C-alpha cells in the first residue's frame, strides 16, 4: 500500500524526528511511504487567525500536492481534522470543491490509519514502564479518535497503561489559543 506522508508545520520545525519515526512505523506496517518535498501546511494556522483568503491559498496548494494520493497519513489529528472538516466548506461552490472533498476523505491520523484502515493493533513494540495517554482535543472532537491509540498501546509488551482522570477535558493548549489566551490556557492546564 502506498501512503503519502503529510508532515505538519510544527513537526517539521520543532520535532522532525516524529516525521522520521512515522515513516518507520508505516514501513513496519507494510506501507510504502512517499513524501512530497514541496508540501507546506494544511492552512489551519491562517484559518484560525481569521485570514481565510490566505488560508484558502495554502489549502489550494495542499489539495494540489495530495490530489492523486490514495491515502494521506499525518502524525497530527489537528491537521487531519482541519482538512477533513473544513476543506469541503472552504471550497464550497468552487472549482476545487470536488478535489478538496476527495483529499479530505483520504486523510488519516497515524493511529487511526493503522487501526481502522490497516487493521493493525500490534506492531511488536516493547517498553518496560508505566505511561498514560493524553487525548488531544482534535483527536477526540474533530477525528473521533479515542480507542485507536489505546489499542496500539495495549499491545506494547511490558507497558502498563494507566488512564488519567478526565481524559476528555481540554488541556488548554490548542495551538494559537495558548498564545492568544495564555492565562486561560495555563489555568486549564493546571486543572487538567
Protein backbone atom coordinates (compact mmCIF):
# COMPACT_ATOMS: atom_id res chain seq x y z
CA UNK A 1 0.00 0.00 0.00
CA UNK A 2 1.34 3.41 -0.97
CA UNK A 3 0.87 6.18 1.58
CA UNK A 4 1.60 9.88 1.18
CA UNK A 5 3.04 11.36 4.37
CA UNK A 6 1.92 14.82 5.44
CA UNK A 7 4.28 16.41 7.95
CA UNK A 8 2.65 19.28 9.90
CA UNK A 9 4.48 22.60 10.23
CA UNK A 10 5.16 22.23 13.95
CA UNK A 11 6.63 18.77 13.49
CA UNK A 12 8.75 19.92 10.57
CA UNK A 13 10.10 22.89 12.52
CA UNK A 14 10.24 21.63 16.11
CA UNK A 15 10.10 17.81 16.16
CA UNK A 16 11.38 16.47 12.83
CA UNK A 17 12.24 13.11 14.43
CA UNK A 18 8.48 12.48 14.75
CA UNK A 19 8.22 12.54 10.95
CA UNK A 20 11.08 10.05 10.58
CA UNK A 21 9.56 7.82 13.26
CA UNK A 22 6.18 7.97 11.49
CA UNK A 23 7.86 6.68 8.34
CA UNK A 24 9.44 3.83 10.32
CA UNK A 25 6.08 2.84 11.82
CA UNK A 26 4.30 2.94 8.45
CA UNK A 27 7.05 0.90 6.80
CA UNK A 28 6.92 -1.64 9.65
CA UNK A 29 3.18 -1.88 8.96
CA UNK A 30 3.98 -2.80 5.33
CA UNK A 31 3.40 0.55 3.65
CA UNK A 32 5.48 2.24 1.00
CA UNK A 33 5.79 5.85 2.15
CA UNK A 34 6.03 8.73 -0.31
CA UNK A 35 6.92 12.26 0.73
CA UNK A 36 6.23 15.30 -1.40
CA UNK A 37 9.06 17.69 -0.53
CA UNK A 38 7.01 20.60 -1.93
CA UNK A 39 4.30 20.27 0.75
CA UNK A 40 3.90 23.12 3.20
CA UNK A 41 0.91 23.47 5.54
CA UNK A 42 -2.71 22.38 5.80
CA UNK A 43 -3.80 26.04 6.17
CA UNK A 44 -5.16 25.79 9.69
CA UNK A 45 -2.98 28.45 11.40
CA UNK A 46 -4.06 31.18 8.97
CA UNK A 47 -7.69 29.98 9.06
CA UNK A 48 -7.80 30.05 12.88
CA UNK A 49 -6.25 33.53 12.90
CA UNK A 50 -9.07 34.80 10.64
CA UNK A 51 -7.01 35.05 7.44
CA UNK A 52 -9.39 32.92 5.39
CA UNK A 53 -8.25 34.15 1.98
CA UNK A 54 -4.62 33.39 2.77
CA UNK A 55 -5.65 30.09 4.28
CA UNK A 56 -7.56 29.15 1.15
CA UNK A 57 -4.40 29.78 -0.91
CA UNK A 58 -2.43 27.39 1.33
CA UNK A 59 -5.29 24.86 1.27
CA UNK A 60 -5.37 25.01 -2.54
CA UNK A 61 -1.69 24.09 -2.60
CA UNK A 62 -2.35 21.23 -0.18
CA UNK A 63 -5.08 19.87 -2.46
CA UNK A 64 -2.74 20.11 -5.46
CA UNK A 65 0.10 18.44 -3.54
CA UNK A 66 -2.03 15.46 -2.45
CA UNK A 67 -4.71 15.22 -5.14
CA UNK A 68 -3.72 11.79 -6.51
CA UNK A 69 -2.98 10.08 -3.19
CA UNK A 70 -4.98 7.04 -2.16
CA UNK A 71 -4.09 7.63 1.49
CA UNK A 72 -2.60 10.64 3.25
CA UNK A 73 -1.30 9.95 6.75
CA UNK A 74 -0.26 12.56 9.29
CA UNK A 75 1.03 12.29 12.84
CA UNK A 76 -1.39 15.10 13.73
CA UNK A 77 -5.10 14.81 14.43
CA UNK A 78 -5.30 18.59 14.35
CA UNK A 79 -4.20 18.83 10.72
CA UNK A 80 -6.13 15.74 9.63
CA UNK A 81 -9.25 17.06 11.35
CA UNK A 82 -8.88 20.50 9.81
CA UNK A 83 -8.59 19.10 6.29
CA UNK A 84 -11.39 16.60 6.83
CA UNK A 85 -13.83 19.01 8.44
CA UNK A 86 -13.14 22.32 6.69
CA UNK A 87 -11.99 21.77 3.12
CA UNK A 88 -15.49 20.96 1.83
CA UNK A 89 -16.84 24.22 3.28
CA UNK A 90 -13.79 26.28 2.36
CA UNK A 91 -14.10 25.30 -1.30
CA UNK A 92 -17.90 25.30 -1.49
CA UNK A 93 -19.15 26.36 -4.94
CA UNK A 94 -15.56 26.46 -6.18
CA UNK A 95 -13.68 24.59 -8.89
CA UNK A 96 -11.61 22.93 -6.16
CA UNK A 97 -14.64 21.59 -4.26
CA UNK A 98 -14.54 18.08 -5.72
CA UNK A 99 -10.74 17.57 -5.46
CA UNK A 100 -10.80 19.10 -1.96
CA UNK A 101 -13.51 16.71 -0.80
CA UNK A 102 -11.59 13.75 -2.24
CA UNK A 103 -8.40 14.79 -0.43
CA UNK A 104 -10.38 15.36 2.77
CA UNK A 105 -11.84 11.84 2.57
CA UNK A 106 -8.36 10.29 2.23
CA UNK A 107 -6.51 11.88 5.15
CA UNK A 108 -5.94 9.98 8.38
CA UNK A 109 -4.16 10.50 11.67
CA UNK A 110 -1.49 7.82 12.17
CA UNK A 111 -3.13 5.66 14.88
CA UNK A 112 -6.49 5.88 13.12
CA UNK A 113 -4.90 4.71 9.85
CA UNK A 114 -3.10 1.79 11.48
CA UNK A 115 -6.17 0.51 13.31
CA UNK A 116 -9.07 1.40 11.00
CA UNK A 117 -7.51 1.04 7.55
CA UNK A 118 -4.69 -1.47 8.02
CA UNK A 119 -6.41 -3.36 10.87
CA UNK A 120 -3.15 -3.42 12.83
CA UNK A 121 -3.10 -3.11 16.61
CA UNK A 122 0.20 -4.85 17.37
CA UNK A 123 3.44 -3.64 15.83
CA UNK A 124 5.62 -5.83 18.05
CA UNK A 125 6.75 -2.95 20.24
CA UNK A 126 8.02 -3.31 23.78
CA UNK A 127 8.57 -0.79 26.56
CA UNK A 128 9.07 -1.55 30.23
CA UNK A 129 7.27 1.11 32.20
CA UNK A 130 4.11 2.89 33.14
CA UNK A 131 2.51 5.55 30.93
CA UNK A 132 -0.70 7.39 30.32
CA UNK A 133 -2.18 8.71 27.09
CA UNK A 134 -3.31 12.31 26.67
CA UNK A 135 -6.20 12.65 24.23
CA UNK A 136 -5.88 15.71 22.03
CA UNK A 137 -8.99 17.81 21.54
CA UNK A 138 -8.61 17.50 17.77
CA UNK A 139 -8.30 13.74 18.03
CA UNK A 140 -11.38 13.43 20.21
CA UNK A 141 -13.61 16.10 18.76
CA UNK A 142 -12.57 16.53 15.14
CA UNK A 143 -11.47 13.00 14.22
CA UNK A 144 -13.37 10.98 16.85
CA UNK A 145 -10.21 9.10 17.81
CA UNK A 146 -10.22 7.60 21.30
CA UNK A 147 -9.79 3.83 21.16
CA UNK A 148 -7.19 3.57 18.40
CA UNK A 149 -4.16 4.88 20.35
CA UNK A 150 -5.17 2.79 23.34
CA UNK A 151 -5.48 -0.35 21.22
CA UNK A 152 -1.95 0.19 19.92
CA UNK A 153 -0.57 0.94 23.39
CA UNK A 154 -2.33 -2.10 24.92
CA UNK A 155 -0.28 -4.32 22.59
CA UNK A 156 3.07 -2.88 23.71
CA UNK A 157 4.84 -5.63 25.64
CA UNK A 158 5.82 -4.52 29.17
CA UNK A 159 3.81 -1.29 29.10
CA UNK A 160 1.39 -0.60 31.92
CA UNK A 161 -1.15 1.87 30.54
CA UNK A 162 -2.80 3.96 33.26
CA UNK A 163 -5.76 6.17 32.39
CA UNK A 164 -5.65 9.72 33.69
CA UNK A 165 -8.74 11.30 35.18
CA UNK A 166 -10.96 13.41 32.96
CA UNK A 167 -9.44 12.20 29.70
CA UNK A 168 -11.97 14.19 27.68
CA UNK A 169 -11.25 17.55 29.32
CA UNK A 170 -9.15 20.01 27.32
CA UNK A 171 -5.59 20.73 28.48
CA UNK A 172 -5.80 24.35 27.27
CA UNK A 173 -3.05 24.26 24.66
CA UNK A 174 -4.97 24.45 21.36
CA UNK A 175 -2.19 25.91 19.22
CA UNK A 176 -2.68 29.66 18.88
CA UNK A 177 -5.24 29.62 21.73
CA UNK A 178 -2.35 29.11 24.17
CA UNK A 179 -0.65 32.21 22.77
CA UNK A 180 -3.69 34.47 22.47
CA UNK A 181 -5.24 33.45 25.80
CA UNK A 182 -2.23 32.36 27.82
CA UNK A 183 -3.81 32.99 31.24
CA UNK A 184 -6.85 30.88 30.42
CA UNK A 185 -4.65 28.25 28.81
CA UNK A 186 -2.43 27.96 31.91
CA UNK A 187 -5.49 27.72 34.17
CA UNK A 188 -6.93 24.93 32.04
CA UNK A 189 -3.63 23.06 32.10
CA UNK A 190 -3.43 23.43 35.88
CA UNK A 191 -6.93 21.98 36.22
CA UNK A 192 -6.04 19.08 33.92
